[in-house]
Amino acid sequence: MKRLFLLSAAALALTMAPAWAVTRIATLSVPGMTCPACPITVKKALAKVDGVTAITVNFEKREAIVTFDDAKASLQQLTDATTNAGYPSQVKP
């Protein structure tokens, strides 16, 4: 009986874990990108943020689209990363 309870509790914990972590997508405006090489620096800076799973940087639109785990990263961490790399950004609504 005790073993069944422990197994049930473990199974419940495993099924509940994904509900706490939410994958989010944020679009950042990065107006300081002035050349086609700038997106490389922006992408490298965002890739260093724990929880970031995908990054697309568009030079023509001066924006970065970032997919991240909101349990590990925040919007502030994303904008701080680009700012620290020399490219201040802000979250687009």
C-alpha atoms as a PDB file:
ATOM      1  CA  MET A   1       0.000   0.000   0.000  1.00  0.00           C
ATOM      2  CA  LYS A   2       2.810   2.369   0.938  1.00  0.00           C
ATOM      3  CA  ARG A   3       4.622   1.599  -2.320  1.00  0.00           C
ATOM      4  CA  LEU A   4       1.473   2.251  -4.367  1.00  0.00           C
ATOM      5  CA  PHE A   5       1.062   5.635  -2.684  1.00  0.00           C
ATOM      6  CA  LEU A   6       4.663   6.604  -3.454  1.00  0.00           C
ATOM      7  CA  LEU A   7       4.319   5.551  -7.077  1.00  0.00           C
ATOM      8  CA  SER A   8       1.073   7.488  -7.405  1.00  0.00           C
ATOM      9  CA  ALA A   9       2.646  10.574  -5.865  1.00  0.00           C
ATOM     10  CA  ALA A  10       5.649  10.333  -8.196  1.00  0.00           C
ATOM     11  CA  ALA A  11       3.412   9.942 -11.247  1.00  0.00           C
ATOM     12  CA  LEU A  12       1.334  12.935 -10.195  1.00  0.00           C
ATOM     13  CA  ALA A  13       4.464  15.040  -9.711  1.00  0.00           C
ATOM     14  CA  LEU A  14       5.710  14.148 -13.196  1.00  0.00           C
ATOM     15  CA  THR A  15       2.405  15.024 -14.821  1.00  0.00           C
ATOM     16  CA  MET A  16       2.212  18.318 -12.940  1.00  0.00           C
ATOM     17  CA  ALA A  17       5.735  19.533 -13.790  1.00  0.00           C
ATOM     18  CA  PRO A  18       4.985  20.788 -17.326  1.00  0.00           C
ATOM     19  CA  ALA A  19       2.115  22.914 -16.028  1.00  0.00           C
ATOM     20  CA  TRP A  20       4.546  25.087 -14.054  1.00  0.00           C
ATOM     21  CA  ALA A  21       6.866  25.829 -16.940  1.00  0.00           C
ATOM     22  CA  VAL A  22       5.372  27.770 -19.799  1.00  0.00           C
ATOM     23  CA  THR A  23       7.082  28.257 -23.130  1.00  0.00           C
ATOM     24  CA  ARG A  24       6.660  31.859 -24.215  1.00  0.00           C
ATOM     25  CA  ILE A  25       7.538  33.775 -27.334  1.00  0.00           C
ATOM     26  CA  ALA A  26       8.633  37.400 -27.092  1.00  0.00           C
ATOM     27  CA  THR A  27       9.382  39.863 -29.850  1.00  0.00           C
ATOM     28  CA  LEU A  28      12.063  42.386 -29.003  1.00  0.00           C
ATOM     29  CA  SER A  29      12.576  45.635 -30.854  1.00  0.00           C
ATOM     30  CA  VAL A  30      16.330  46.130 -31.361  1.00  0.00           C
ATOM     31  CA  PRO A  31      16.644  49.450 -33.208  1.00  0.00           C
ATOM     32  CA  GLY A  32      20.425  49.724 -32.707  1.00  0.00           C
ATOM     33  CA  MET A  33      21.249  47.051 -35.274  1.00  0.00           C
ATOM     34  CA  THR A  34      22.923  49.024 -38.056  1.00  0.00           C
ATOM     35  CA  CYS A  35      24.629  46.364 -40.165  1.00  0.00           C
ATOM     36  CA  PRO A  36      23.943  42.804 -41.323  1.00  0.00           C
ATOM     37  CA  ALA A  37      26.499  41.457 -38.805  1.00  0.00           C
ATOM     38  CA  CYS A  38      24.680  42.916 -35.764  1.00  0.00           C
ATOM     39  CA  PRO A  39      22.130  40.074 -35.565  1.00  0.00           C
ATOM     40  CA  ILE A  40      24.959  37.625 -34.871  1.00  0.00           C
ATOM     41  CA  THR A  41      25.924  39.505 -31.700  1.00  0.00           C
ATOM     42  CA  VAL A  42      22.293  39.854 -30.610  1.00  0.00           C
ATOM     43  CA  LYS A  43      21.647  36.143 -31.165  1.00  0.00           C
ATOM     44  CA  LYS A  44      24.780  35.127 -29.228  1.00  0.00           C
ATOM     45  CA  ALA A  45      23.789  37.362 -26.306  1.00  0.00           C
ATOM     46  CA  LEU A  46      20.265  35.932 -26.148  1.00  0.00           C
ATOM     47  CA  ALA A  47      21.557  32.356 -26.452  1.00  0.00           C
ATOM     48  CA  LYS A  48      23.473  32.819 -23.187  1.00  0.00           C
ATOM     49  CA  VAL A  49      20.239  33.375 -21.234  1.00  0.00           C
ATOM     50  CA  ASP A  50      19.241  30.183 -19.427  1.00  0.00           C
ATOM     51  CA  GLY A  51      15.877  28.931 -20.671  1.00  0.00           C
ATOM     52  CA  VAL A  52      16.078  30.343 -24.201  1.00  0.00           C
ATOM     53  CA  THR A  53      15.244  27.608 -26.688  1.00  0.00           C
ATOM     54  CA  ALA A  54      15.013  29.418 -30.042  1.00  0.00           C
ATOM     55  CA  ILE A  55      16.061  32.772 -31.490  1.00  0.00           C
ATOM     56  CA  THR A  56      15.345  34.426 -34.815  1.00  0.00           C
ATOM     57  CA  VAL A  57      16.868  37.833 -35.476  1.00  0.00           C
ATOM     58  CA  ASN A  58      15.632  39.908 -38.405  1.00  0.00           C
ATOM     59  CA  PHE A  59      17.960  42.747 -39.406  1.00  0.00           C
ATOM     60  CA  GLU A  60      15.503  44.386 -41.792  1.00  0.00           C
ATOM     61  CA  LYS A  61      12.769  44.593 -39.133  1.00  0.00           C
ATOM     62  CA  ARG A  62      15.280  45.357 -36.346  1.00  0.00           C
ATOM     63  CA  GLU A  63      13.728  42.706 -34.125  1.00  0.00           C
ATOM     64  CA  ALA A  64      14.444  39.427 -32.383  1.00  0.00           C
ATOM     65  CA  ILE A  65      11.878  36.703 -31.757  1.00  0.00           C
ATOM     66  CA  VAL A  66      12.811  34.630 -28.716  1.00  0.00           C
ATOM     67  CA  THR A  67      11.235  31.395 -27.473  1.00  0.00           C
ATOM     68  CA  PHE A  68      11.967  30.764 -23.820  1.00  0.00           C
ATOM     69  CA  ASP A  69      10.906  28.894 -20.695  1.00  0.00           C
ATOM     70  CA  ASP A  70       9.377  31.469 -18.359  1.00  0.00           C
ATOM     71  CA  ALA A  71      10.363  29.410 -15.318  1.00  0.00           C
ATOM     72  CA  LYS A  72      14.028  29.953 -16.207  1.00  0.00           C
ATOM     73  CA  ALA A  73      14.113  33.321 -17.987  1.00  0.00           C
ATOM     74  CA  SER A  74      12.276  36.614 -17.822  1.00  0.00           C
ATOM     75  CA  LEU A  75      11.623  39.380 -20.303  1.00  0.00           C
ATOM     76  CA  GLN A  76      13.940  41.588 -18.265  1.00  0.00           C
ATOM     77  CA  GLN A  77      16.773  39.069 -18.633  1.00  0.00           C
ATOM     78  CA  LEU A  78      16.269  39.042 -22.397  1.00  0.00           C
ATOM     79  CA  THR A  79      16.379  42.828 -22.737  1.00  0.00           C
ATOM     80  CA  ASP A  80      19.333  43.001 -20.321  1.00  0.00           C
ATOM     81  CA  ALA A  81      21.223  40.477 -22.465  1.00  0.00           C
ATOM     82  CA  THR A  82      20.896  42.539 -25.631  1.00  0.00           C
ATOM     83  CA  THR A  83      21.608  45.788 -23.793  1.00  0.00           C
ATOM     84  CA  ASN A  84      24.768  44.338 -22.235  1.00  0.00           C
ATOM     85  CA  ALA A  85      25.878  43.289 -25.731  1.00  0.00           C
ATOM     86  CA  GLY A  86      25.518  46.884 -26.909  1.00  0.00           C
ATOM     87  CA  TYR A  87      22.043  46.624 -28.434  1.00  0.00           C
ATOM     88  CA  PRO A  88      19.352  48.043 -26.137  1.00  0.00           C
ATOM     89  CA  SER A  89      15.988  46.437 -26.762  1.00  0.00           C
ATOM     90  CA  GLN A  90      12.445  46.533 -25.557  1.00  0.00           C
ATOM     91  CA  VAL A  91       9.590  44.077 -25.669  1.00  0.00           C
ATOM     92  CA  LYS A  92       7.091  44.713 -28.445  1.00  0.00           C
ATOM     93  CA  PRO A  93       3.445  44.454 -27.410  1.00  0.00           C
END
